[in-house]
Protein backbone atom coordinates (compact mmCIF):
# COMPACT_ATOMS: atom_id res chain seq x y z
CA UNK A 1 29.33 65.09 77.48
CA UNK A 2 29.18 64.26 73.93
CA UNK A 3 26.86 61.27 74.62
CA UNK A 4 24.04 63.91 75.36
CA UNK A 5 24.34 64.68 71.72
CA UNK A 6 24.78 61.29 70.22
CA UNK A 7 22.83 58.76 72.41
CA UNK A 8 19.31 58.34 71.52
CA UNK A 9 18.69 62.10 71.25
CA UNK A 10 15.08 63.20 70.25
CA UNK A 11 15.28 65.47 67.31
CA UNK A 12 14.19 68.48 69.26
CA UNK A 13 15.90 67.39 72.54
CA UNK A 14 14.80 66.04 75.72
CA UNK A 15 12.12 67.66 78.11
CA UNK A 16 14.16 67.50 81.29
CA UNK A 17 17.72 66.85 82.32
CA UNK A 18 16.55 63.60 84.05
CA UNK A 19 15.26 62.12 80.80
CA UNK A 20 18.57 63.13 79.10
CA UNK A 21 20.49 61.42 82.08
CA UNK A 22 18.47 58.03 81.54
CA UNK A 23 19.34 58.18 78.02
CA UNK A 24 23.20 58.27 78.51
CA UNK A 25 23.22 56.37 81.91
CA UNK A 26 24.22 53.05 80.44
CA UNK A 27 26.63 54.12 78.01
CA UNK A 28 28.35 56.53 80.55
CA UNK A 29 28.60 53.49 83.07
CA UNK A 30 30.17 51.40 80.36
CA UNK A 31 32.70 54.27 79.47
CA UNK A 32 33.67 54.49 83.20
CA UNK A 33 34.04 50.80 83.43
CA UNK A 34 36.14 50.35 80.14
CA UNK A 35 38.37 53.07 80.99
CA UNK A 36 38.94 52.02 84.64
CA UNK A 37 37.75 55.37 86.00
CA UNK A 38 37.50 55.45 89.78
CA UNK A 39 34.05 56.67 90.33
CA UNK A 40 31.17 55.27 92.36
CA UNK A 41 28.77 54.59 89.71
CA UNK A 42 25.95 54.15 92.28
CA UNK A 43 25.73 58.05 92.60
CA UNK A 44 26.24 58.56 89.17
CA UNK A 45 22.73 60.02 88.36
CA UNK A 46 23.36 62.56 91.34
CA UNK A 47 26.83 63.71 90.48
CA UNK A 48 26.07 64.20 86.72
CA UNK A 49 22.82 66.24 87.53
CA UNK A 50 24.69 68.21 90.18
CA UNK A 51 27.76 68.95 87.83
CA UNK A 52 25.00 70.15 85.22
CA UNK A 53 24.39 72.89 87.53
CA UNK A 54 27.95 73.51 88.84
CA UNK A 55 30.17 72.88 85.96
CA UNK A 56 30.12 75.42 82.84
CA UNK A 57 31.00 72.65 80.18
CA UNK A 58 28.44 70.19 81.62
CA UNK A 59 25.82 72.64 82.07
CA UNK A 60 26.33 73.85 78.38
CA UNK A 61 26.11 70.41 77.12
CA UNK A 62 22.74 69.85 78.83
CA UNK A 63 21.49 73.33 77.72
CA UNK A 64 22.05 72.20 74.18
CA UNK A 65 19.84 69.22 74.35
CA UNK A 66 16.97 70.41 76.71
CA UNK A 67 13.69 71.72 75.35
CA UNK A 68 12.88 75.03 76.87
CA UNK A 69 9.18 76.25 76.87
CA UNK A 70 8.98 79.12 74.51
CA UNK A 71 7.97 81.34 77.51
CA UNK A 72 11.21 80.66 79.36
CA UNK A 73 14.44 82.44 78.94
């Protein structure tokens, strides 16, 4: 999920996973189409956000770019 770190990332990161996904949505769709990946892009948002909870690598990528409140751990 290199796109999370390189595509329009605010200096301090995004406030939510939803905002982070919106930033990578179009470049990710283009990547999928360019590489002929068999994936229903109509459900891309749901899939990526679910993967951000279920897959360690994707979860870690999101954790690097999401702002956490100071009182959260």
